[in-house]
Amino acid sequence: MKKVDFQEIVAKAKNLAKYNKTWHFHMLGRDCKFNNNRGKFRITFEDESSGKSFYSVFDNKPIKESKKLADLMYGQGFLRKKEKGEHNPEFDLILKKAKELTEQGIEWHHHHLHPNCIFNKLKGKHCIVLEDPKTPNSLIAVYNQKPMEDLVKIEKLFYKDSK
């Protein structure tokens, strides 16, 4: 995994999208179990077509940077879409917990782990994971397909204050 400037990640995302190549990213919280840069935020970018990964480190929560990549990955305005797809009842617990944390003013983050994701222990499956900042436990919902319906719900909550 190579450390790069965030603008390089954006350029890579745009280039891969232009050629319909698959990629995804993660915004890692300061205490995220996947973050090797404890105390800092990190955006990790995975080029699924080449298997190469890149990251940028941030002192402050990179919500606008993360939203920019989300718009590139899912399409601008994806938060306004009414997606349909596979629903996992375990996701209801994730969304409930995320709402509780939001109401309490506690910073939280989630992951959409793609089937080939470097962080995904359930290869071949999509997973939505919520790390509970109050405990070492994570909540997880597993899917056979990209979980756009559930993903849009949690992304709306996560990006609610983002423009």
Protein backbone atom coordinates (compact mmCIF):
# COMPACT_ATOMS: atom_id res chain seq x y z
CA MET A 1 0.00 0.00 0.00
CA LYS A 2 1.43 3.35 -1.04
CA LYS A 3 0.92 6.74 0.64
CA VAL A 4 -0.10 9.43 -1.89
CA ASP A 5 -1.63 12.90 -1.96
CA PHE A 6 -5.44 12.84 -1.91
CA GLN A 7 -5.62 14.52 -5.33
CA GLU A 8 -3.78 11.52 -6.76
CA ILE A 9 -6.51 9.26 -5.36
CA VAL A 10 -9.18 11.43 -7.00
CA ALA A 11 -7.31 11.28 -10.33
CA LYS A 12 -7.03 7.49 -10.08
CA ALA A 13 -10.75 7.19 -9.28
CA LYS A 14 -11.72 9.37 -12.25
CA ASN A 15 -9.43 7.46 -14.59
CA LEU A 16 -10.71 4.06 -13.49
CA ALA A 17 -14.33 5.22 -13.71
CA LYS A 18 -13.68 6.51 -17.23
CA TYR A 19 -12.65 3.01 -18.31
CA ASN A 20 -15.35 1.20 -16.25
CA LYS A 21 -12.72 -0.37 -13.98
CA THR A 22 -13.77 -1.34 -10.48
CA TRP A 23 -12.49 0.45 -7.40
CA HIS A 24 -13.64 1.42 -3.95
CA PHE A 25 -12.45 3.38 -0.95
CA HIS A 26 -12.70 3.55 2.82
CA MET A 27 -12.71 6.53 5.15
CA LEU A 28 -11.02 5.18 8.26
CA GLY A 29 -11.67 6.79 11.62
CA ARG A 30 -8.91 7.66 14.08
CA ASP A 31 -9.45 4.46 16.02
CA CYS A 32 -10.62 2.26 13.14
CA LYS A 33 -9.46 -1.32 13.42
CA PHE A 34 -8.13 -1.10 9.84
CA ASN A 35 -6.20 2.14 10.40
CA ASN A 36 -2.44 1.88 10.92
CA ASN A 37 -2.27 5.65 11.45
CA ARG A 38 -3.85 5.79 14.91
CA GLY A 39 -4.98 9.24 15.95
CA LYS A 40 -5.29 10.35 12.31
CA PHE A 41 -7.99 9.84 9.71
CA ARG A 42 -7.19 7.95 6.57
CA ILE A 43 -8.73 7.37 3.18
CA THR A 44 -7.73 4.06 1.65
CA PHE A 45 -8.32 3.57 -2.08
CA GLU A 46 -8.37 0.13 -3.71
CA ASP A 47 -7.96 -0.31 -7.46
CA GLU A 48 -9.74 -3.65 -7.80
CA SER A 49 -8.64 -4.07 -11.42
CA SER A 50 -4.92 -4.04 -10.53
CA GLY A 51 -5.02 -5.05 -6.88
CA LYS A 52 -3.06 -1.93 -5.91
CA SER A 53 -3.97 0.14 -2.86
CA PHE A 54 -3.18 3.73 -1.93
CA TYR A 55 -3.91 5.94 1.06
CA SER A 56 -3.87 9.52 2.29
CA VAL A 57 -3.69 10.64 5.92
CA PHE A 58 -5.66 13.55 7.43
CA ASP A 59 -5.57 15.38 10.76
CA ASN A 60 -9.27 16.27 10.53
CA LYS A 61 -12.19 14.11 9.47
CA PRO A 62 -12.10 14.10 5.64
CA ILE A 63 -15.86 14.10 5.18
CA LYS A 64 -15.83 16.30 2.05
CA GLU A 65 -13.04 14.23 0.51
CA SER A 66 -14.91 11.03 1.31
CA LYS A 67 -18.15 12.44 -0.16
CA LYS A 68 -16.29 13.41 -3.33
CA LEU A 69 -15.15 9.81 -3.79
CA ALA A 70 -18.62 8.49 -2.93
CA ASP A 71 -20.12 10.71 -5.64
CA LEU A 72 -17.55 9.39 -8.13
CA MET A 73 -18.19 5.78 -7.14
CA TYR A 74 -21.99 5.76 -6.89
CA GLY A 75 -22.86 8.78 -9.03
CA GLN A 76 -23.58 12.31 -7.91
CA GLY A 77 -26.91 12.53 -6.15
CA PHE A 78 -26.86 8.88 -5.08
CA LEU A 79 -28.17 9.88 -1.65
CA ARG A 80 -31.41 11.06 -3.24
CA LYS A 81 -32.02 7.76 -5.03
CA LYS A 82 -34.55 5.21 -3.89
CA GLU A 83 -32.48 2.07 -4.28
CA LYS A 84 -33.97 -1.41 -4.19
CA GLY A 85 -32.06 -4.56 -3.48
CA GLU A 86 -31.19 -7.24 -0.99
CA HIS A 87 -31.95 -6.28 2.60
CA ASN A 88 -30.33 -8.00 5.56
CA PRO A 89 -32.26 -7.76 8.87
CA GLU A 90 -28.89 -7.45 10.65
CA PHE A 91 -28.58 -4.08 8.94
CA ASP A 92 -31.54 -2.79 10.97
CA LEU A 93 -29.37 -3.15 14.09
CA ILE A 94 -26.52 -1.30 12.37
CA LEU A 95 -28.75 1.60 11.35
CA LYS A 96 -30.36 1.78 14.79
CA LYS A 97 -26.95 1.91 16.50
CA ALA A 98 -25.65 4.54 14.04
CA LYS A 99 -28.71 6.71 14.74
CA GLU A 100 -28.21 6.34 18.50
CA LEU A 101 -24.55 7.34 18.21
CA THR A 102 -25.50 10.32 16.04
CA GLU A 103 -28.12 11.47 18.56
CA GLN A 104 -25.52 11.18 21.35
CA GLY A 105 -23.00 13.22 19.35
CA ILE A 106 -20.57 10.30 19.21
CA GLU A 107 -18.40 10.06 16.10
CA TRP A 108 -18.87 6.78 14.23
CA HIS A 109 -17.99 5.27 10.90
CA HIS A 110 -18.95 2.31 8.78
CA HIS A 111 -17.51 0.28 5.95
CA HIS A 112 -18.85 -1.26 2.80
CA LEU A 113 -16.47 -4.15 2.30
CA HIS A 114 -16.49 -5.28 -1.31
CA PRO A 115 -16.00 -8.98 -2.15
CA ASN A 116 -12.25 -8.60 -2.92
CA CYS A 117 -11.59 -5.87 -0.35
CA ILE A 118 -8.29 -6.13 1.51
CA PHE A 119 -10.18 -5.75 4.80
CA ASN A 120 -12.90 -8.32 4.01
CA LYS A 121 -12.51 -11.69 5.72
CA LEU A 122 -15.65 -12.97 3.97
CA LYS A 123 -14.26 -12.99 0.42
CA GLY A 124 -16.93 -13.12 -2.26
CA LYS A 125 -19.51 -11.35 -0.08
CA HIS A 126 -20.43 -7.71 0.39
CA CYS A 127 -20.50 -6.56 4.01
CA ILE A 128 -21.68 -3.43 5.77
CA VAL A 129 -19.79 -3.01 9.03
CA LEU A 130 -20.35 -0.51 11.83
CA GLU A 131 -17.54 -0.16 14.33
CA ASP A 132 -18.99 0.64 17.73
CA PRO A 133 -16.73 3.33 19.23
CA LYS A 134 -17.91 2.40 22.74
CA THR A 135 -16.82 -1.25 22.52
CA PRO A 136 -14.31 -3.35 20.58
CA ASN A 137 -17.24 -5.00 18.79
CA SER A 138 -18.47 -4.43 15.27
CA LEU A 139 -21.91 -4.99 13.84
CA ILE A 140 -21.98 -6.68 10.43
CA ALA A 141 -24.53 -7.44 7.73
CA VAL A 142 -23.51 -9.81 4.93
CA TYR A 143 -24.89 -9.74 1.38
CA ASN A 144 -24.59 -11.74 -1.84
CA GLN A 145 -24.94 -8.60 -3.99
CA LYS A 146 -23.97 -4.94 -3.66
CA PRO A 147 -26.32 -3.73 -0.88
CA MET A 148 -27.33 -0.41 -2.42
CA GLU A 149 -30.68 -0.12 -0.63
CA ASP A 150 -29.12 -0.52 2.83
CA LEU A 151 -25.96 1.33 1.86
CA VAL A 152 -27.87 4.45 0.79
CA LYS A 153 -29.65 4.49 4.17
CA ILE A 154 -26.45 4.52 6.20
CA GLU A 155 -24.65 6.85 3.81
CA LYS A 156 -27.49 9.39 4.15
CA LEU A 157 -26.98 9.37 7.89
CA PHE A 158 -23.19 9.52 7.62
CA TYR A 159 -23.14 12.38 5.11
CA LYS A 160 -26.19 14.22 6.53
CA ASP A 161 -24.27 17.43 7.26
CA SER A 162 -22.12 17.25 4.14
CA LYS A 163 -22.79 19.44 1.12
